[in-house]
């Protein structure tokens, strides 16, 4: 396995598991989702992020899990960028979601490339 892919996958997994857990228990995250005008999505977002983070970890053994998890997280980050645009966040507010989008897009394309090579 490519070391850059391994590290990218691990960073994304750790970040999303932690962020997802924060969505479930943090008062700050409760306030953030209210600011996004999406308080009803906080728990669902947290659960999906934890599940995708676990999927990235499982992807070391079962590559299809990493492929699907990174695709799901990439889509989630596109939605996050749209929400931040909708609420007119400053540019700095977009940076974390953009970085996560790029990271997970990299992981996704690496697994797609592997499938194509095997095919």
C-alpha atoms as a PDB file:
ATOM      1  CA  UNK A   1       0.000   0.000   0.000  1.00  0.00           C
ATOM      2  CA  UNK A   2       1.148   3.526  -0.780  1.00  0.00           C
ATOM      3  CA  UNK A   3       2.381   5.288   2.396  1.00  0.00           C
ATOM      4  CA  UNK A   4       0.768   8.593   1.391  1.00  0.00           C
ATOM      5  CA  UNK A   5      -2.550   6.782   1.006  1.00  0.00           C
ATOM      6  CA  UNK A   6      -2.141   5.004   4.346  1.00  0.00           C
ATOM      7  CA  UNK A   7      -1.385   8.252   6.162  1.00  0.00           C
ATOM      8  CA  UNK A   8      -4.167  10.173   4.404  1.00  0.00           C
ATOM      9  CA  UNK A   9      -6.641   7.438   5.238  1.00  0.00           C
ATOM     10  CA  UNK A  10      -5.554   7.378   8.903  1.00  0.00           C
ATOM     11  CA  UNK A  11      -5.746  11.168   9.265  1.00  0.00           C
ATOM     12  CA  UNK A  12      -9.202  11.241   7.746  1.00  0.00           C
ATOM     13  CA  UNK A  13     -10.420   8.319   9.863  1.00  0.00           C
ATOM     14  CA  UNK A  14      -9.152   9.845  13.114  1.00  0.00           C
ATOM     15  CA  UNK A  15     -10.479  13.285  12.249  1.00  0.00           C
ATOM     16  CA  UNK A  16     -13.951  12.113  11.329  1.00  0.00           C
ATOM     17  CA  UNK A  17     -14.292   9.737  14.263  1.00  0.00           C
ATOM     18  CA  UNK A  18     -13.357  12.587  16.626  1.00  0.00           C
ATOM     19  CA  UNK A  19     -15.513  15.180  14.846  1.00  0.00           C
ATOM     20  CA  UNK A  20     -18.430  12.751  14.703  1.00  0.00           C
ATOM     21  CA  UNK A  21     -18.131  12.056  18.429  1.00  0.00           C
ATOM     22  CA  UNK A  22     -18.026  15.796  19.098  1.00  0.00           C
ATOM     23  CA  UNK A  23     -21.239  16.182  17.089  1.00  0.00           C
ATOM     24  CA  UNK A  24     -22.920  13.796  19.500  1.00  0.00           C
ATOM     25  CA  UNK A  25     -21.738  15.246  22.809  1.00  0.00           C
ATOM     26  CA  UNK A  26     -20.321  18.762  22.429  1.00  0.00           C
ATOM     27  CA  UNK A  27     -22.261  21.889  23.325  1.00  0.00           C
ATOM     28  CA  UNK A  28     -20.090  23.789  20.841  1.00  0.00           C
ATOM     29  CA  UNK A  29     -21.220  21.470  18.033  1.00  0.00           C
ATOM     30  CA  UNK A  30     -24.830  21.893  19.093  1.00  0.00           C
ATOM     31  CA  UNK A  31     -24.346  25.654  18.713  1.00  0.00           C
ATOM     32  CA  UNK A  32     -22.559  25.243  15.349  1.00  0.00           C
ATOM     33  CA  UNK A  33     -25.379  23.185  13.865  1.00  0.00           C
ATOM     34  CA  UNK A  34     -27.874  25.782  15.086  1.00  0.00           C
ATOM     35  CA  UNK A  35     -25.748  28.425  13.323  1.00  0.00           C
ATOM     36  CA  UNK A  36     -25.848  26.283  10.164  1.00  0.00           C
ATOM     37  CA  UNK A  37     -29.638  26.272  10.564  1.00  0.00           C
ATOM     38  CA  UNK A  38     -29.513  22.456  10.668  1.00  0.00           C
ATOM     39  CA  UNK A  39     -29.869  21.451  14.334  1.00  0.00           C
ATOM     40  CA  UNK A  40     -31.862  18.358  13.333  1.00  0.00           C
ATOM     41  CA  UNK A  41     -28.872  17.040  11.318  1.00  0.00           C
ATOM     42  CA  UNK A  42     -26.287  17.113  14.129  1.00  0.00           C
ATOM     43  CA  UNK A  43     -26.770  13.584  15.488  1.00  0.00           C
ATOM     44  CA  UNK A  44     -27.215  12.054  12.019  1.00  0.00           C
ATOM     45  CA  UNK A  45     -24.043  13.817  10.842  1.00  0.00           C
ATOM     46  CA  UNK A  46     -22.096  12.568  13.858  1.00  0.00           C
ATOM     47  CA  UNK A  47     -23.222   8.978  13.390  1.00  0.00           C
ATOM     48  CA  UNK A  48     -22.409   9.032   9.663  1.00  0.00           C
ATOM     49  CA  UNK A  49     -18.980  10.527  10.286  1.00  0.00           C
ATOM     50  CA  UNK A  50     -18.120   7.943  12.930  1.00  0.00           C
ATOM     51  CA  UNK A  51     -19.352   5.151  10.657  1.00  0.00           C
ATOM     52  CA  UNK A  52     -17.323   6.476   7.719  1.00  0.00           C
ATOM     53  CA  UNK A  53     -14.232   6.857   9.916  1.00  0.00           C
ATOM     54  CA  UNK A  54     -14.600   3.225  10.980  1.00  0.00           C
ATOM     55  CA  UNK A  55     -15.085   2.334   7.304  1.00  0.00           C
ATOM     56  CA  UNK A  56     -11.775   3.997   6.484  1.00  0.00           C
ATOM     57  CA  UNK A  57     -10.062   1.925   9.185  1.00  0.00           C
ATOM     58  CA  UNK A  58     -11.749  -1.251   7.944  1.00  0.00           C
ATOM     59  CA  UNK A  59     -10.531  -0.296   4.482  1.00  0.00           C
ATOM     60  CA  UNK A  60      -7.018  -1.370   5.377  1.00  0.00           C
ATOM     61  CA  UNK A  61      -8.338  -4.938   5.348  1.00  0.00           C
ATOM     62  CA  UNK A  62     -11.428  -4.560   3.128  1.00  0.00           C
ATOM     63  CA  UNK A  63     -10.625  -1.935   0.461  1.00  0.00           C
ATOM     64  CA  UNK A  64     -14.263  -1.584  -0.623  1.00  0.00           C
ATOM     65  CA  UNK A  65     -14.993  -0.109   2.827  1.00  0.00           C
ATOM     66  CA  UNK A  66     -12.418   2.651   2.302  1.00  0.00           C
ATOM     67  CA  UNK A  67     -13.721   3.290  -1.206  1.00  0.00           C
ATOM     68  CA  UNK A  68     -17.304   3.729  -0.010  1.00  0.00           C
ATOM     69  CA  UNK A  69     -16.377   5.650   3.155  1.00  0.00           C
ATOM     70  CA  UNK A  70     -14.163   8.114   1.297  1.00  0.00           C
ATOM     71  CA  UNK A  71     -16.865   8.645  -1.335  1.00  0.00           C
ATOM     72  CA  UNK A  72     -19.462   9.283   1.364  1.00  0.00           C
ATOM     73  CA  UNK A  73     -17.190  11.692   3.221  1.00  0.00           C
ATOM     74  CA  UNK A  74     -16.363  13.526  -0.014  1.00  0.00           C
ATOM     75  CA  UNK A  75     -20.067  14.009  -0.706  1.00  0.00           C
ATOM     76  CA  UNK A  76     -20.588  15.118   2.889  1.00  0.00           C
ATOM     77  CA  UNK A  77     -17.848  17.737   2.511  1.00  0.00           C
ATOM     78  CA  UNK A  78     -19.409  19.079  -0.689  1.00  0.00           C
ATOM     79  CA  UNK A  79     -22.620  19.530   1.306  1.00  0.00           C
ATOM     80  CA  UNK A  80     -20.638  21.169   4.138  1.00  0.00           C
ATOM     81  CA  UNK A  81     -19.117  23.649   1.674  1.00  0.00           C
ATOM     82  CA  UNK A  82     -22.574  24.417   0.279  1.00  0.00           C
ATOM     83  CA  UNK A  83     -23.973  24.995   3.794  1.00  0.00           C
ATOM     84  CA  UNK A  84     -21.119  27.340   4.647  1.00  0.00           C
ATOM     85  CA  UNK A  85     -21.692  29.224   1.386  1.00  0.00           C
ATOM     86  CA  UNK A  86     -25.433  29.402   2.109  1.00  0.00           C
ATOM     87  CA  UNK A  87     -24.891  30.948   5.567  1.00  0.00           C
ATOM     88  CA  UNK A  88     -22.225  33.271   4.131  1.00  0.00           C
ATOM     89  CA  UNK A  89     -19.364  32.055   6.308  1.00  0.00           C
ATOM     90  CA  UNK A  90     -16.051  33.837   5.821  1.00  0.00           C
ATOM     91  CA  UNK A  91     -13.556  32.086   3.547  1.00  0.00           C
ATOM     92  CA  UNK A  92     -11.644  30.752   6.558  1.00  0.00           C
ATOM     93  CA  UNK A  93     -14.753  28.787   7.510  1.00  0.00           C
ATOM     94  CA  UNK A  94     -14.499  26.817   4.281  1.00  0.00           C
ATOM     95  CA  UNK A  95     -10.910  25.670   4.735  1.00  0.00           C
ATOM     96  CA  UNK A  96     -11.482  22.652   6.980  1.00  0.00           C
ATOM     97  CA  UNK A  97     -14.260  21.252   4.794  1.00  0.00           C
ATOM     98  CA  UNK A  98     -12.208  21.906   1.657  1.00  0.00           C
ATOM     99  CA  UNK A  99      -9.150  20.166   3.124  1.00  0.00           C
ATOM    100  CA  UNK A 100     -11.288  17.178   4.132  1.00  0.00           C
ATOM    101  CA  UNK A 101     -12.859  17.077   0.679  1.00  0.00           C
ATOM    102  CA  UNK A 102      -9.439  17.026  -0.978  1.00  0.00           C
ATOM    103  CA  UNK A 103      -8.122  14.387   1.437  1.00  0.00           C
ATOM    104  CA  UNK A 104     -11.061  12.047   0.923  1.00  0.00           C
ATOM    105  CA  UNK A 105     -11.133  12.620  -2.820  1.00  0.00           C
ATOM    106  CA  UNK A 106      -7.482  11.543  -2.879  1.00  0.00           C
ATOM    107  CA  UNK A 107      -8.286   8.380  -0.889  1.00  0.00           C
ATOM    108  CA  UNK A 108     -11.255   7.620  -3.137  1.00  0.00           C
ATOM    109  CA  UNK A 109      -9.341   8.063  -6.392  1.00  0.00           C
ATOM    110  CA  UNK A 110      -6.477   5.908  -5.082  1.00  0.00           C
ATOM    111  CA  UNK A 111      -8.854   3.021  -4.391  1.00  0.00           C
ATOM    112  CA  UNK A 112     -10.591   3.482  -7.749  1.00  0.00           C
ATOM    113  CA  UNK A 113      -7.159   3.355  -9.442  1.00  0.00           C
ATOM    114  CA  UNK A 114      -6.421   0.084  -7.653  1.00  0.00           C
ATOM    115  CA  UNK A 115      -9.690  -1.425  -8.825  1.00  0.00           C
ATOM    116  CA  UNK A 116      -8.966  -0.373 -12.391  1.00  0.00           C
ATOM    117  CA  UNK A 117      -5.461  -1.874 -12.211  1.00  0.00           C
ATOM    118  CA  UNK A 118      -6.838  -5.188 -10.934  1.00  0.00           C
ATOM    119  CA  UNK A 119      -9.672  -5.206 -13.491  1.00  0.00           C
END
